[in-house]
Amino acid sequence: MEYFPPPLEALVEQFARLPGIGGKSAQRLAFHILGLPEEEARAFAEAILHAKRSVTCCPVCQNFTAGGLCPICASPKRDGAVICVVADPRDVAALERAREYTGRYHVLHGVISPMNHVGPDDLSIKPLLERVSQGDVQEVIMATNPDTEGEATAMYLARLLKPFGVRVTRLAYGIPVGGHLEFADDATLMRALEGRREL
């Protein structure tokens, strides 16, 4: 039995298809949209359509851009000799928030995941190899997540990059700031010991 009119049910279903949104959250969002003045609802819908139409991938790094080069690739202040490889555009935003990295990026748009039927051909690996083959890159930093798929992707890319003679590094992993050793798992402690540095 349907509790809501079909247009509202359809709206709830669309919200429920978003990642991390369950049935109750979808209902809450749908009711919020219905409660908006018409001009605000129209602006919300237009923002979705405008983003869908105008956001593309940067031809160099594959990060999202509103056409042409992304601001990072277009900046002369960024070090083109270092490329940080990430799985997702959200990872670029996370690294940029730290304000420490001054190189450029390459976004794979996923990781190798046989369980999810994602193979190397489904990722933007070829443009990365083309960038490195031009000879200007000295280091490639693997910044994929420290899970099984992220590790497999990093190892796969490291093998592909080896013939180019570039330095391939991996982000250090370990104890988070403010964390306690007693709560860390064995793998995290092992990584923390391996990634230690001199003070």
Foldseek 3Di string as FASTA:
>chain_A
DDPDPVVLVVQLVVQCPDPPAHNVNSNVVSVVLVPDDPVVNVVVVVVVVQCVPQWFAEPQAGATDRDYHHPLVPDPQAQAQEEEEEAHNVVVVVVVVVVPHRHYYHYFVHFDDVVVPDHPVNTPLVSVVVSLQVPSHAEYEQEYDPDPRSVVRLVVSCVVCVVSNHHYYYDQAAADVVGDPVPDDPVRHVSCVVPDDDD
